[in-house]
Protein backbone atom coordinates (compact mmCIF):
# COMPACT_ATOMS: atom_id res chain seq x y z
CA MET A 1 -35.41 -7.46 6.70
CA GLY A 2 -33.17 -4.48 6.68
CA ALA A 3 -29.85 -4.07 5.01
CA ILE A 4 -28.06 -4.17 8.35
CA GLU A 5 -29.53 -7.57 9.22
CA GLU A 6 -28.67 -8.96 5.81
CA SER A 7 -25.10 -7.72 5.97
CA GLY A 8 -24.83 -9.24 9.45
CA LYS A 9 -25.93 -12.60 8.07
CA VAL A 10 -23.39 -12.35 5.24
CA ALA A 11 -20.61 -11.46 7.68
CA GLY A 12 -21.63 -14.36 9.93
CA GLY A 13 -21.56 -16.72 6.96
CA ILE A 14 -18.10 -15.55 5.99
CA VAL A 15 -16.80 -16.04 9.54
CA GLU A 16 -18.30 -19.54 9.68
CA GLY A 17 -16.73 -20.39 6.33
CA LEU A 18 -13.33 -19.21 7.51
CA LYS A 19 -13.66 -21.24 10.70
CA THR A 20 -14.20 -24.42 8.70
CA GLN A 21 -11.35 -23.66 6.29
CA PRO A 22 -8.36 -22.20 8.15
CA LEU A 23 -6.18 -22.40 5.03
CA SER A 24 -8.37 -19.78 3.39
CA LEU A 25 -7.94 -17.51 6.39
CA ALA A 26 -4.17 -18.00 6.25
CA LEU A 27 -4.08 -17.19 2.52
CA ILE A 28 -6.17 -14.06 3.00
CA THR A 29 -3.90 -12.93 5.83
CA MET A 30 -0.78 -13.55 3.78
CA ASN A 31 -2.24 -11.66 0.83
CA LEU A 32 -3.01 -8.67 3.03
CA VAL A 33 0.51 -8.71 4.46
CA PHE A 34 1.91 -8.98 0.92
CA VAL A 35 -0.13 -5.99 -0.28
CA VAL A 36 0.87 -3.86 2.72
CA LEU A 37 4.54 -4.79 2.29
CA PHE A 38 4.59 -3.89 -1.38
CA ALA A 39 2.70 -0.66 -0.77
CA PHE A 40 5.35 0.34 1.78
CA LEU A 41 8.20 -0.65 -0.54
CA PHE A 42 6.76 1.30 -3.47
CA TRP A 43 6.12 4.31 -1.22
CA SER A 44 9.74 4.19 -0.03
CA LEU A 45 11.05 3.85 -3.57
CA ASN A 46 8.94 6.79 -4.72
CA ASP A 47 10.13 8.93 -1.81
CA ARG A 48 13.75 8.08 -2.60
CA THR A 49 13.29 8.85 -6.30
CA VAL A 50 11.65 12.21 -5.58
CA HIS A 51 14.53 13.09 -3.26
CA GLN A 52 17.11 12.16 -5.92
CA TYR A 53 15.38 14.33 -8.53
CA GLN A 54 15.20 17.23 -6.05
CA VAL A 55 18.94 16.98 -5.35
CA LYS A 56 19.70 16.87 -9.08
CA ASP A 57 17.43 19.84 -9.79
CA ASP A 58 19.10 21.85 -7.03
CA LEU A 59 22.54 21.00 -8.39
CA ILE A 60 21.56 22.00 -11.93
CA ALA A 61 20.08 25.27 -10.68
CA LYS A 62 23.31 25.99 -8.78
CA LEU A 63 25.46 25.24 -11.84
CA VAL A 64 23.30 27.41 -14.09
CA SER A 65 23.42 30.31 -11.63
CA GLU A 66 27.22 30.04 -11.43
CA CYS A 67 27.52 29.96 -15.24
CA LYS A 68 25.54 33.21 -15.52
CA LYS A 69 28.08 35.08 -13.36
């Protein structure tokens, strides 16, 4: 048997297992939603932090250039 046939059997077994245990499917779905949510939140937090540092760096550069005059 080829690798494709074997992977098809494994996938079929997983689907059958999830059909018989819907709680497992619900937990997997909730975990995926949880991971996506936290990935988005951390991405947003990182974007905000980078923006804050950029604003501070620009302000410091402006103050330094005005002090040199």
